Amino acid sequence: MQPAPLTVAQQELYDWIVAFLNDHGHAPSIRQMMEAMGLRSPAPIQSRLRYLQKKGWIQWQPGRARTLQLSTAPATGIPVLGTVFAGGLVETFPDVESHLDLQATLKQKDVFALTVRGDSMIGAHITAGDLVVMKPVTDARALPNGAIVSAMVPGEGTTLKFFHKDGPTIRLEPANPAYEPIVLPAEQVVVQGRLVAVWRQVPAFAGG
């Protein structure tokens, strides 16, 4: 059920509360809300909070500001507006279908990024200059075959490849037929991370 519309003042307070919760991880005090809204009395803040609760935007126990919670998580991230075809033209996007929440990926514990060099993974749509976001791997034995990993191998340094475990050996498979697979005893391969996202910065072209 969609919450009821807010007045300008109620929306201002709600937006500020959402930002505060995202930044601090806990609810603000009445005094903090007063200062943010430029008010000298708690009465207007309490009134707005009561309306926010009545309209379904927050949950709150009056007199206990720290109990404040959002009733529904606000949509965050990049809006996914539909499907685009690489052939002919399609109609414009009428509605937001969902949101691409990059925070869910970026907030994963200990994730790290690597800059791709070379073209051995071009068949997996990973090209030179891309940033790959990796999740640390603590136990390579739990990795499924076909996962894309960053691994340290003797004489090669760190490489990005498809992971395959064949009994006592590990095969690191490229996504480019110009390169040969790397096959080594499992104990010689240190798997650092598993791919969770690829970030590509599109260059700006003159003329728009």
N, C-alpha and C. Protein backbone atom coordinates (compact mmCIF):
# COMPACT_ATOMS: atom_id res chain seq x y z
N MET A 1 0.84 -1.20 0.00
CA MET A 1 0.00 0.00 0.00
C MET A 1 0.88 1.25 0.00
N GLN A 2 0.59 2.17 -0.91
CA GLN A 2 1.39 3.38 -1.04
C GLN A 2 1.05 4.37 0.08
N PRO A 3 2.07 4.90 0.80
CA PRO A 3 1.78 5.90 1.84
C PRO A 3 1.10 7.13 1.26
N ALA A 4 0.35 7.85 2.12
CA ALA A 4 -0.37 9.04 1.68
C ALA A 4 0.61 10.16 1.35
N PRO A 5 0.24 11.07 0.42
CA PRO A 5 1.11 12.18 0.05
C PRO A 5 1.43 13.07 1.26
N LEU A 6 2.58 13.74 1.19
CA LEU A 6 3.04 14.61 2.26
C LEU A 6 2.95 16.07 1.86
N THR A 7 2.81 16.93 2.86
CA THR A 7 2.92 18.36 2.61
C THR A 7 4.39 18.70 2.38
N VAL A 8 4.66 19.93 1.95
CA VAL A 8 6.05 20.35 1.70
C VAL A 8 6.87 20.24 2.97
N ALA A 9 6.32 20.69 4.10
CA ALA A 9 7.06 20.66 5.37
C ALA A 9 7.30 19.22 5.82
N GLN A 10 6.30 18.37 5.66
CA GLN A 10 6.46 16.97 6.05
C GLN A 10 7.49 16.28 5.16
N GLN A 11 7.45 16.56 3.86
CA GLN A 11 8.40 15.96 2.94
C GLN A 11 9.82 16.40 3.24
N GLU A 12 9.98 17.68 3.61
CA GLU A 12 11.30 18.21 3.95
C GLU A 12 11.89 17.46 5.14
N LEU A 13 11.07 17.26 6.17
CA LEU A 13 11.56 16.54 7.35
C LEU A 13 11.84 15.08 7.01
N TYR A 14 10.95 14.45 6.25
CA TYR A 14 11.15 13.05 5.90
C TYR A 14 12.44 12.85 5.10
N ASP A 15 12.68 13.69 4.10
CA ASP A 15 13.89 13.57 3.29
C ASP A 15 15.14 13.73 4.15
N TRP A 16 15.06 14.68 5.12
CA TRP A 16 16.22 14.90 5.99
C TRP A 16 16.45 13.68 6.88
N ILE A 17 15.38 13.07 7.39
CA ILE A 17 15.49 11.88 8.24
C ILE A 17 16.12 10.73 7.45
N VAL A 18 15.67 10.55 6.20
CA VAL A 18 16.23 9.48 5.36
C VAL A 18 17.74 9.67 5.19
N ALA A 19 18.16 10.91 4.88
CA ALA A 19 19.58 11.19 4.70
C ALA A 19 20.35 10.95 6.00
N PHE A 20 19.77 11.35 7.13
CA PHE A 20 20.44 11.17 8.42
C PHE A 20 20.62 9.69 8.72
N LEU A 21 19.58 8.89 8.49
CA LEU A 21 19.66 7.46 8.74
C LEU A 21 20.72 6.80 7.85
N ASN A 22 20.79 7.23 6.60
CA ASN A 22 21.80 6.67 5.69
C ASN A 22 23.21 7.02 6.13
N ASP A 23 23.38 8.24 6.66
CA ASP A 23 24.72 8.70 7.05
C ASP A 23 25.16 8.15 8.39
N HIS A 24 24.22 8.00 9.34
CA HIS A 24 24.59 7.69 10.72
C HIS A 24 24.16 6.30 11.18
N GLY A 25 23.18 5.71 10.52
CA GLY A 25 22.75 4.38 10.91
C GLY A 25 21.83 4.34 12.11
N HIS A 26 21.42 5.49 12.63
CA HIS A 26 20.47 5.53 13.75
C HIS A 26 19.60 6.78 13.60
N ALA A 27 18.49 6.80 14.33
CA ALA A 27 17.54 7.91 14.21
C ALA A 27 18.07 9.17 14.88
N PRO A 28 17.71 10.34 14.37
CA PRO A 28 18.12 11.60 14.98
C PRO A 28 17.27 11.91 16.21
N SER A 29 17.77 12.82 17.04
CA SER A 29 17.00 13.29 18.19
C SER A 29 16.05 14.41 17.74
N ILE A 30 15.09 14.72 18.61
CA ILE A 30 14.17 15.82 18.33
C ILE A 30 14.95 17.11 18.15
N ARG A 31 15.95 17.33 19.01
CA ARG A 31 16.75 18.57 18.92
C ARG A 31 17.48 18.65 17.58
N GLN A 32 18.03 17.55 17.12
CA GLN A 32 18.71 17.56 15.82
C GLN A 32 17.74 17.89 14.70
N MET A 33 16.53 17.34 14.79
CA MET A 33 15.52 17.65 13.78
C MET A 33 15.10 19.12 13.84
N MET A 34 14.98 19.66 15.05
CA MET A 34 14.66 21.08 15.22
C MET A 34 15.71 21.96 14.55
N GLU A 35 16.97 21.66 14.82
CA GLU A 35 18.07 22.46 14.27
C GLU A 35 18.10 22.36 12.75
N ALA A 36 17.87 21.15 12.23
CA ALA A 36 17.91 20.96 10.78
C ALA A 36 16.78 21.71 10.08
N MET A 37 15.61 21.78 10.73
CA MET A 37 14.46 22.46 10.14
C MET A 37 14.40 23.94 10.51
N GLY A 38 15.36 24.41 11.32
CA GLY A 38 15.39 25.82 11.70
C GLY A 38 14.27 26.21 12.65
N LEU A 39 13.89 25.30 13.56
CA LEU A 39 12.80 25.54 14.49
C LEU A 39 13.33 25.67 15.91
N ARG A 40 12.62 26.44 16.73
CA ARG A 40 13.04 26.64 18.11
C ARG A 40 12.20 25.86 19.10
N SER A 41 11.15 25.23 18.63
CA SER A 41 10.25 24.49 19.50
C SER A 41 10.11 23.06 18.98
N PRO A 42 9.99 22.09 19.90
CA PRO A 42 9.82 20.71 19.44
C PRO A 42 8.42 20.42 18.92
N ALA A 43 7.45 21.28 19.23
CA ALA A 43 6.06 21.00 18.88
C ALA A 43 5.85 20.78 17.38
N PRO A 44 6.40 21.65 16.48
CA PRO A 44 6.20 21.42 15.04
C PRO A 44 6.83 20.11 14.57
N ILE A 45 7.98 19.74 15.14
CA ILE A 45 8.63 18.49 14.76
C ILE A 45 7.75 17.31 15.18
N GLN A 46 7.25 17.33 16.40
CA GLN A 46 6.41 16.26 16.88
C GLN A 46 5.13 16.15 16.06
N SER A 47 4.58 17.29 15.65
CA SER A 47 3.39 17.29 14.82
C SER A 47 3.67 16.64 13.47
N ARG A 48 4.79 17.01 12.85
CA ARG A 48 5.15 16.44 11.56
C ARG A 48 5.39 14.94 11.68
N LEU A 49 6.05 14.52 12.77
CA LEU A 49 6.30 13.10 12.97
C LEU A 49 5.00 12.33 13.12
N ARG A 50 4.03 12.92 13.83
CA ARG A 50 2.74 12.25 13.98
C ARG A 50 2.06 12.07 12.62
N TYR A 51 2.15 13.10 11.77
CA TYR A 51 1.55 12.98 10.44
C TYR A 51 2.31 11.98 9.56
N LEU A 52 3.64 11.98 9.69
CA LEU A 52 4.42 11.00 8.92
C LEU A 52 4.04 9.57 9.32
N GLN A 53 3.80 9.37 10.61
CA GLN A 53 3.38 8.05 11.07
C GLN A 53 1.96 7.73 10.62
N LYS A 54 1.07 8.72 10.76
CA LYS A 54 -0.33 8.51 10.38
C LYS A 54 -0.46 8.20 8.89
N LYS A 55 0.39 8.83 8.07
CA LYS A 55 0.32 8.63 6.63
C LYS A 55 1.11 7.41 6.16
N GLY A 56 1.76 6.71 7.11
CA GLY A 56 2.41 5.45 6.75
C GLY A 56 3.86 5.54 6.32
N TRP A 57 4.53 6.68 6.60
CA TRP A 57 5.90 6.84 6.17
C TRP A 57 6.91 6.38 7.22
N ILE A 58 6.57 6.50 8.50
CA ILE A 58 7.49 6.12 9.57
C ILE A 58 6.76 5.34 10.64
N GLN A 59 7.55 4.68 11.49
CA GLN A 59 7.06 4.10 12.74
C GLN A 59 7.78 4.82 13.86
N TRP A 60 7.01 5.22 14.89
CA TRP A 60 7.59 6.10 15.91
C TRP A 60 6.79 6.01 17.19
N GLN A 61 7.50 5.97 18.31
CA GLN A 61 6.85 6.04 19.62
C GLN A 61 6.99 7.47 20.13
N PRO A 62 5.90 8.23 20.21
CA PRO A 62 5.96 9.63 20.66
C PRO A 62 6.72 9.77 21.97
N GLY A 63 7.62 10.78 21.98
CA GLY A 63 8.44 11.02 23.16
C GLY A 63 9.74 10.24 23.15
N ARG A 64 9.91 9.35 22.16
CA ARG A 64 11.14 8.55 22.08
C ARG A 64 11.64 8.60 20.64
N ALA A 65 12.37 9.67 20.33
CA ALA A 65 12.80 9.92 18.96
C ALA A 65 13.67 8.81 18.41
N ARG A 66 14.46 8.19 19.28
CA ARG A 66 15.39 7.16 18.81
C ARG A 66 14.69 5.89 18.34
N THR A 67 13.38 5.79 18.58
CA THR A 67 12.63 4.61 18.11
C THR A 67 12.17 4.78 16.67
N LEU A 68 12.43 5.94 16.09
CA LEU A 68 11.94 6.24 14.75
C LEU A 68 12.54 5.28 13.72
N GLN A 69 11.68 4.73 12.87
CA GLN A 69 12.10 3.85 11.78
C GLN A 69 11.29 4.18 10.54
N LEU A 70 11.85 3.96 9.38
CA LEU A 70 11.12 4.14 8.14
C LEU A 70 10.20 2.94 7.93
N SER A 71 8.96 3.22 7.53
CA SER A 71 8.02 2.13 7.28
C SER A 71 8.38 1.36 6.02
N THR A 72 8.85 2.08 5.01
CA THR A 72 9.29 1.45 3.77
C THR A 72 10.63 2.04 3.39
N ALA A 73 11.53 1.18 2.97
CA ALA A 73 12.84 1.67 2.56
C ALA A 73 12.70 2.48 1.28
N PRO A 74 13.24 3.72 1.25
CA PRO A 74 13.13 4.52 0.03
C PRO A 74 13.94 3.89 -1.09
N ALA A 75 13.46 4.05 -2.31
CA ALA A 75 14.18 3.53 -3.48
C ALA A 75 15.49 4.27 -3.65
N THR A 76 16.58 3.53 -3.71
CA THR A 76 17.89 4.13 -3.89
C THR A 76 18.56 3.53 -5.10
N GLY A 77 19.63 4.18 -5.53
CA GLY A 77 20.40 3.65 -6.64
C GLY A 77 19.96 4.23 -7.97
N ILE A 78 20.39 3.59 -9.02
CA ILE A 78 20.14 4.06 -10.38
C ILE A 78 18.84 3.45 -10.89
N PRO A 79 17.88 4.26 -11.36
CA PRO A 79 16.62 3.68 -11.83
C PRO A 79 16.82 2.83 -13.08
N VAL A 80 16.25 1.64 -13.06
CA VAL A 80 16.24 0.76 -14.23
C VAL A 80 14.91 1.00 -14.94
N LEU A 81 14.98 1.62 -16.11
CA LEU A 81 13.77 2.12 -16.76
C LEU A 81 13.17 1.15 -17.77
N GLY A 82 13.84 0.09 -18.06
CA GLY A 82 13.27 -0.85 -19.02
C GLY A 82 14.37 -1.56 -19.78
N THR A 83 14.04 -2.03 -20.97
CA THR A 83 14.96 -2.78 -21.80
C THR A 83 15.29 -1.98 -23.05
N VAL A 84 16.57 -2.00 -23.42
CA VAL A 84 16.97 -1.30 -24.63
C VAL A 84 17.48 -2.34 -25.63
N PHE A 85 17.04 -2.24 -26.87
CA PHE A 85 17.46 -3.16 -27.91
C PHE A 85 18.60 -2.53 -28.71
N ALA A 86 19.51 -3.35 -29.13
CA ALA A 86 20.65 -2.85 -29.89
C ALA A 86 20.35 -2.79 -31.38
N GLY A 87 19.10 -3.03 -31.75
CA GLY A 87 18.72 -2.96 -33.15
C GLY A 87 17.98 -1.68 -33.45
N GLY A 88 16.65 -1.79 -33.68
CA GLY A 88 15.86 -0.62 -34.03
C GLY A 88 15.49 0.22 -32.82
N LEU A 89 14.80 1.31 -33.08
CA LEU A 89 14.38 2.22 -32.02
C LEU A 89 13.23 1.60 -31.24
N VAL A 90 13.15 1.98 -29.95
CA VAL A 90 12.04 1.55 -29.12
C VAL A 90 11.40 2.80 -28.52
N GLU A 91 10.21 2.62 -27.96
CA GLU A 91 9.51 3.76 -27.38
C GLU A 91 10.22 4.25 -26.13
N THR A 92 9.92 5.49 -25.75
CA THR A 92 10.54 6.05 -24.55
C THR A 92 10.04 5.32 -23.32
N PHE A 93 10.78 5.48 -22.21
CA PHE A 93 10.49 4.75 -20.99
C PHE A 93 9.35 5.42 -20.22
N PRO A 94 8.21 4.75 -20.03
CA PRO A 94 7.09 5.39 -19.35
C PRO A 94 7.20 5.37 -17.84
N ASP A 95 7.80 4.34 -17.27
CA ASP A 95 7.81 4.17 -15.83
C ASP A 95 9.14 3.62 -15.36
N VAL A 96 9.44 3.90 -14.10
CA VAL A 96 10.60 3.28 -13.47
C VAL A 96 10.21 1.88 -13.05
N GLU A 97 10.92 0.87 -13.55
CA GLU A 97 10.58 -0.51 -13.22
C GLU A 97 11.21 -0.95 -11.90
N SER A 98 12.41 -0.49 -11.64
CA SER A 98 13.11 -0.85 -10.41
C SER A 98 14.30 0.09 -10.27
N HIS A 99 15.12 -0.14 -9.25
CA HIS A 99 16.32 0.66 -9.06
C HIS A 99 17.53 -0.26 -8.97
N LEU A 100 18.61 0.14 -9.63
CA LEU A 100 19.87 -0.58 -9.55
C LEU A 100 20.62 -0.06 -8.33
N ASP A 101 20.66 -0.85 -7.28
CA ASP A 101 21.26 -0.41 -6.02
C ASP A 101 22.72 -0.82 -5.97
N LEU A 102 23.59 0.11 -6.29
CA LEU A 102 25.02 -0.17 -6.25
C LEU A 102 25.53 -0.30 -4.82
N GLN A 103 24.82 0.32 -3.86
CA GLN A 103 25.27 0.26 -2.48
C GLN A 103 25.32 -1.17 -1.97
N ALA A 104 24.38 -2.01 -2.42
CA ALA A 104 24.37 -3.39 -1.96
C ALA A 104 25.67 -4.10 -2.31
N THR A 105 26.24 -3.75 -3.47
CA THR A 105 27.52 -4.34 -3.87
C THR A 105 28.67 -3.68 -3.16
N LEU A 106 28.66 -2.35 -3.12
CA LEU A 106 29.79 -1.63 -2.56
C LEU A 106 29.93 -1.80 -1.05
N LYS A 107 28.81 -2.11 -0.38
CA LYS A 107 28.85 -2.28 1.07
C LYS A 107 29.17 -3.70 1.50
N GLN A 108 29.37 -4.61 0.56
CA GLN A 108 29.76 -5.96 0.94
C GLN A 108 31.11 -5.90 1.66
N LYS A 109 31.25 -6.74 2.64
CA LYS A 109 32.44 -6.70 3.48
C LYS A 109 33.71 -6.97 2.68
N ASP A 110 34.67 -6.07 2.81
CA ASP A 110 36.03 -6.24 2.28
C ASP A 110 36.13 -6.30 0.76
N VAL A 111 35.09 -5.90 0.01
CA VAL A 111 35.22 -5.93 -1.44
C VAL A 111 36.35 -5.02 -1.89
N PHE A 112 36.97 -5.35 -2.99
CA PHE A 112 38.07 -4.53 -3.52
C PHE A 112 37.94 -4.49 -5.03
N ALA A 113 38.63 -3.53 -5.63
CA ALA A 113 38.55 -3.36 -7.08
C ALA A 113 39.93 -3.49 -7.71
N LEU A 114 39.95 -4.00 -8.94
CA LEU A 114 41.18 -4.13 -9.70
C LEU A 114 40.96 -3.55 -11.09
N THR A 115 41.98 -2.92 -11.65
CA THR A 115 41.90 -2.40 -13.01
C THR A 115 42.37 -3.48 -13.98
N VAL A 116 41.58 -3.73 -14.99
CA VAL A 116 41.88 -4.80 -15.95
C VAL A 116 42.92 -4.32 -16.96
N ARG A 117 43.89 -5.15 -17.19
CA ARG A 117 44.89 -4.92 -18.24
C ARG A 117 44.87 -6.14 -19.16
N GLY A 118 44.93 -5.91 -20.46
CA GLY A 118 44.92 -7.02 -21.40
C GLY A 118 43.52 -7.38 -21.84
N ASP A 119 43.44 -8.38 -22.76
CA ASP A 119 42.16 -8.72 -23.38
C ASP A 119 41.81 -10.20 -23.27
N SER A 120 42.38 -10.87 -22.27
CA SER A 120 42.14 -12.32 -22.17
C SER A 120 40.71 -12.66 -21.73
N MET A 121 39.95 -11.66 -21.22
CA MET A 121 38.58 -11.94 -20.78
C MET A 121 37.56 -11.19 -21.64
N ILE A 122 37.96 -10.85 -22.85
CA ILE A 122 37.07 -10.06 -23.71
C ILE A 122 35.81 -10.84 -24.07
N GLY A 123 35.89 -12.15 -24.13
CA GLY A 123 34.72 -12.96 -24.43
C GLY A 123 33.69 -12.94 -23.31
N ALA A 124 34.10 -12.53 -22.12
CA ALA A 124 33.19 -12.38 -20.98
C ALA A 124 32.79 -10.92 -20.83
N HIS A 125 33.04 -10.12 -21.88
CA HIS A 125 32.68 -8.69 -21.91
C HIS A 125 33.43 -7.89 -20.85
N ILE A 126 34.65 -8.31 -20.56
CA ILE A 126 35.54 -7.58 -19.65
C ILE A 126 36.75 -7.16 -20.45
N THR A 127 36.94 -5.86 -20.58
CA THR A 127 38.00 -5.35 -21.45
C THR A 127 39.00 -4.50 -20.67
N ALA A 128 40.12 -4.20 -21.33
CA ALA A 128 41.16 -3.39 -20.71
C ALA A 128 40.60 -2.05 -20.27
N GLY A 129 40.96 -1.65 -19.06
CA GLY A 129 40.49 -0.39 -18.51
C GLY A 129 39.28 -0.53 -17.61
N ASP A 130 38.58 -1.66 -17.69
CA ASP A 130 37.44 -1.90 -16.81
C ASP A 130 37.93 -2.04 -15.37
N LEU A 131 37.06 -1.69 -14.44
CA LEU A 131 37.31 -1.98 -13.03
C LEU A 131 36.45 -3.17 -12.64
N VAL A 132 37.08 -4.19 -12.08
CA VAL A 132 36.32 -5.35 -11.62
C VAL A 132 36.25 -5.30 -10.10
N VAL A 133 35.05 -5.45 -9.56
CA VAL A 133 34.85 -5.46 -8.12
C VAL A 133 34.85 -6.90 -7.66
N MET A 134 35.71 -7.21 -6.70
CA MET A 134 35.93 -8.59 -6.27
C MET A 134 35.56 -8.78 -4.80
N LYS A 135 35.03 -9.93 -4.50
CA LYS A 135 34.76 -10.32 -3.12
C LYS A 135 35.83 -11.30 -2.68
N PRO A 136 36.47 -11.06 -1.54
CA PRO A 136 37.55 -11.96 -1.11
C PRO A 136 37.09 -13.41 -1.01
N VAL A 137 37.99 -14.31 -1.35
CA VAL A 137 37.73 -15.75 -1.28
C VAL A 137 38.57 -16.32 -0.15
N THR A 138 37.92 -16.92 0.84
CA THR A 138 38.65 -17.51 1.96
C THR A 138 38.89 -19.00 1.76
N ASP A 139 38.06 -19.64 0.94
CA ASP A 139 38.22 -21.08 0.70
C ASP A 139 37.92 -21.37 -0.76
N ALA A 140 38.98 -21.55 -1.55
CA ALA A 140 38.81 -21.80 -2.98
C ALA A 140 38.09 -23.11 -3.26
N ARG A 141 38.09 -24.02 -2.29
CA ARG A 141 37.42 -25.30 -2.50
C ARG A 141 35.91 -25.14 -2.62
N ALA A 142 35.40 -24.03 -2.08
CA ALA A 142 33.95 -23.79 -2.13
C ALA A 142 33.51 -23.07 -3.40
N LEU A 143 34.47 -22.67 -4.23
CA LEU A 143 34.13 -21.96 -5.46
C LEU A 143 33.51 -22.90 -6.49
N PRO A 144 32.46 -22.45 -7.17
CA PRO A 144 31.90 -23.28 -8.24
C PRO A 144 32.75 -23.15 -9.50
N ASN A 145 32.83 -24.20 -10.26
CA ASN A 145 33.51 -24.12 -11.55
C ASN A 145 32.81 -23.09 -12.43
N GLY A 146 33.60 -22.28 -13.11
CA GLY A 146 33.05 -21.25 -13.99
C GLY A 146 33.01 -19.88 -13.36
N ALA A 147 33.30 -19.78 -12.06
CA ALA A 147 33.35 -18.47 -11.42
C ALA A 147 34.53 -17.68 -11.98
N ILE A 148 34.36 -16.38 -12.13
CA ILE A 148 35.47 -15.53 -12.56
C ILE A 148 36.21 -15.06 -11.32
N VAL A 149 37.51 -15.31 -11.29
CA VAL A 149 38.31 -15.02 -10.11
C VAL A 149 39.56 -14.23 -10.47
N SER A 150 40.10 -13.55 -9.46
CA SER A 150 41.45 -13.02 -9.57
C SER A 150 42.34 -13.96 -8.77
N ALA A 151 43.44 -14.39 -9.37
CA ALA A 151 44.30 -15.38 -8.73
C ALA A 151 45.76 -15.05 -8.98
N MET A 152 46.58 -15.36 -7.99
CA MET A 152 48.03 -15.20 -8.12
C MET A 152 48.62 -16.55 -8.51
N VAL A 153 49.40 -16.53 -9.59
CA VAL A 153 50.04 -17.76 -10.05
C VAL A 153 51.52 -17.49 -10.29
N PRO A 154 52.38 -18.50 -10.10
CA PRO A 154 53.82 -18.31 -10.29
C PRO A 154 54.14 -17.86 -11.72
N GLY A 155 54.93 -16.80 -11.82
CA GLY A 155 55.38 -16.31 -13.12
C GLY A 155 54.37 -15.48 -13.87
N GLU A 156 53.14 -15.38 -13.36
CA GLU A 156 52.09 -14.63 -14.06
C GLU A 156 51.61 -13.43 -13.26
N GLY A 157 51.88 -13.42 -11.96
CA GLY A 157 51.32 -12.37 -11.10
C GLY A 157 49.84 -12.62 -10.87
N THR A 158 49.06 -11.56 -10.82
CA THR A 158 47.62 -11.68 -10.61
C THR A 158 46.92 -11.70 -11.96
N THR A 159 46.04 -12.66 -12.15
CA THR A 159 45.35 -12.80 -13.42
C THR A 159 43.85 -12.98 -13.18
N LEU A 160 43.04 -12.52 -14.12
CA LEU A 160 41.59 -12.65 -14.06
C LEU A 160 41.17 -13.73 -15.04
N LYS A 161 40.54 -14.79 -14.53
CA LYS A 161 40.20 -15.93 -15.39
C LYS A 161 38.97 -16.66 -14.83
N PHE A 162 38.40 -17.55 -15.66
CA PHE A 162 37.40 -18.50 -15.20
C PHE A 162 38.08 -19.58 -14.36
N PHE A 163 37.47 -19.91 -13.24
CA PHE A 163 38.04 -20.90 -12.32
C PHE A 163 37.45 -22.28 -12.58
N HIS A 164 38.33 -23.29 -12.69
CA HIS A 164 37.89 -24.68 -12.81
C HIS A 164 38.82 -25.54 -11.97
N LYS A 165 38.23 -26.38 -11.12
CA LYS A 165 39.02 -27.30 -10.30
C LYS A 165 38.89 -28.70 -10.89
N ASP A 166 40.03 -29.26 -11.27
CA ASP A 166 40.07 -30.60 -11.86
C ASP A 166 40.90 -31.50 -10.95
N GLY A 167 40.24 -32.07 -9.95
CA GLY A 167 40.97 -32.94 -9.02
C GLY A 167 42.05 -32.15 -8.29
N PRO A 168 43.32 -32.58 -8.39
CA PRO A 168 44.39 -31.89 -7.67
C PRO A 168 44.90 -30.63 -8.38
N THR A 169 44.34 -30.32 -9.54
CA THR A 169 44.83 -29.16 -10.29
C THR A 169 43.72 -28.11 -10.44
N ILE A 170 44.16 -26.91 -10.72
CA ILE A 170 43.25 -25.80 -11.01
C ILE A 170 43.55 -25.31 -12.42
N ARG A 171 42.48 -25.14 -13.20
CA ARG A 171 42.62 -24.60 -14.55
C ARG A 171 42.01 -23.20 -14.56
N LEU A 172 42.80 -22.24 -14.97
CA LEU A 172 42.35 -20.85 -15.10
C LEU A 172 42.14 -20.59 -16.59
N GLU A 173 40.86 -20.49 -16.96
CA GLU A 173 40.49 -20.46 -18.37
C GLU A 173 40.25 -19.03 -18.85
N PRO A 174 40.90 -18.59 -19.92
CA PRO A 174 40.63 -17.27 -20.47
C PRO A 174 39.34 -17.26 -21.28
N ALA A 175 38.86 -16.07 -21.60
CA ALA A 175 37.67 -15.93 -22.45
C ALA A 175 38.09 -15.32 -23.78
N ASN A 176 39.23 -15.79 -24.26
CA ASN A 176 39.78 -15.33 -25.53
C ASN A 176 40.61 -16.47 -26.11
N PRO A 177 40.24 -17.00 -27.28
CA PRO A 177 40.95 -18.16 -27.83
C PRO A 177 42.41 -17.89 -28.17
N ALA A 178 42.83 -16.63 -28.14
CA ALA A 178 44.23 -16.32 -28.41
C ALA A 178 45.13 -16.68 -27.23
N TYR A 179 44.54 -16.99 -26.07
CA TYR A 179 45.31 -17.30 -24.88
C TYR A 179 45.09 -18.75 -24.47
N GLU A 180 46.12 -19.37 -23.92
CA GLU A 180 46.05 -20.74 -23.44
C GLU A 180 45.60 -20.75 -21.97
N PRO A 181 44.88 -21.79 -21.56
CA PRO A 181 44.55 -21.93 -20.14
C PRO A 181 45.82 -22.10 -19.30
N ILE A 182 45.72 -21.69 -18.05
CA ILE A 182 46.80 -21.89 -17.10
C ILE A 182 46.40 -23.06 -16.20
N VAL A 183 47.17 -24.13 -16.23
CA VAL A 183 46.87 -25.33 -15.43
C VAL A 183 48.02 -25.56 -14.46
N LEU A 184 47.68 -25.56 -13.17
CA LEU A 184 48.70 -25.70 -12.13
C LEU A 184 48.17 -26.55 -10.99
N PRO A 185 49.09 -27.14 -10.19
CA PRO A 185 48.65 -27.80 -8.95
C PRO A 185 47.91 -26.79 -8.07
N ALA A 186 46.85 -27.25 -7.40
CA ALA A 186 46.00 -26.35 -6.62
C ALA A 186 46.80 -25.57 -5.59
N GLU A 187 47.83 -26.20 -5.00
CA GLU A 187 48.58 -25.51 -3.94
C GLU A 187 49.42 -24.34 -4.47
N GLN A 188 49.59 -24.26 -5.78
CA GLN A 188 50.38 -23.16 -6.35
C GLN A 188 49.53 -21.95 -6.75
N VAL A 189 48.22 -22.09 -6.62
CA VAL A 189 47.32 -21.01 -7.02
C VAL A 189 46.69 -20.38 -5.79
N VAL A 190 46.81 -19.07 -5.68
CA VAL A 190 46.18 -18.34 -4.57
C VAL A 190 45.03 -17.53 -5.14
N VAL A 191 43.80 -17.97 -4.88
CA VAL A 191 42.63 -17.25 -5.37
C VAL A 191 42.36 -16.09 -4.41
N GLN A 192 42.42 -14.88 -4.93
CA GLN A 192 42.24 -13.69 -4.10
C GLN A 192 40.77 -13.29 -3.97
N GLY A 193 40.05 -13.30 -5.09
CA GLY A 193 38.68 -12.81 -5.04
C GLY A 193 37.83 -13.37 -6.15
N ARG A 194 36.51 -13.24 -5.97
CA ARG A 194 35.53 -13.68 -6.96
C ARG A 194 34.79 -12.46 -7.49
N LEU A 195 34.56 -12.40 -8.78
CA LEU A 195 33.94 -11.24 -9.41
C LEU A 195 32.50 -11.06 -8.93
N VAL A 196 32.17 -9.80 -8.55
CA VAL A 196 30.78 -9.49 -8.21
C VAL A 196 30.21 -8.38 -9.09
N ALA A 197 31.07 -7.58 -9.72
CA ALA A 197 30.57 -6.50 -10.57
C ALA A 197 31.69 -6.01 -11.47
N VAL A 198 31.29 -5.43 -12.60
CA VAL A 198 32.23 -4.82 -13.54
C VAL A 198 31.81 -3.37 -13.75
N TRP A 199 32.76 -2.46 -13.62
CA TRP A 199 32.47 -1.03 -13.82
C TRP A 199 33.26 -0.55 -15.03
N ARG A 200 32.55 0.05 -15.97
CA ARG A 200 33.19 0.56 -17.17
C ARG A 200 32.87 2.04 -17.32
N GLN A 201 33.90 2.86 -17.39
CA GLN A 201 33.72 4.29 -17.61
C GLN A 201 33.66 4.54 -19.10
N VAL A 202 32.52 5.02 -19.58
CA VAL A 202 32.36 5.28 -21.01
C VAL A 202 33.01 6.61 -21.34
N PRO A 203 33.93 6.66 -22.30
CA PRO A 203 34.60 7.93 -22.62
C PRO A 203 33.64 8.91 -23.25
N ALA A 204 33.89 10.18 -22.99
CA ALA A 204 33.06 11.23 -23.59
C ALA A 204 33.55 11.49 -25.02
N PHE A 205 32.62 11.57 -25.94
CA PHE A 205 32.97 11.81 -27.34
C PHE A 205 32.63 13.24 -27.72
N ALA A 206 33.49 13.82 -28.49
CA ALA A 206 33.23 15.18 -28.94
C ALA A 206 31.98 15.23 -29.78
N GLY A 207 31.21 16.27 -29.61
CA GLY A 207 30.01 16.43 -30.39
C GLY A 207 28.77 15.91 -29.71
N GLY A 208 28.91 15.37 -28.44
CA GLY A 208 27.75 14.97 -27.64
C GLY A 208 27.31 13.57 -27.90
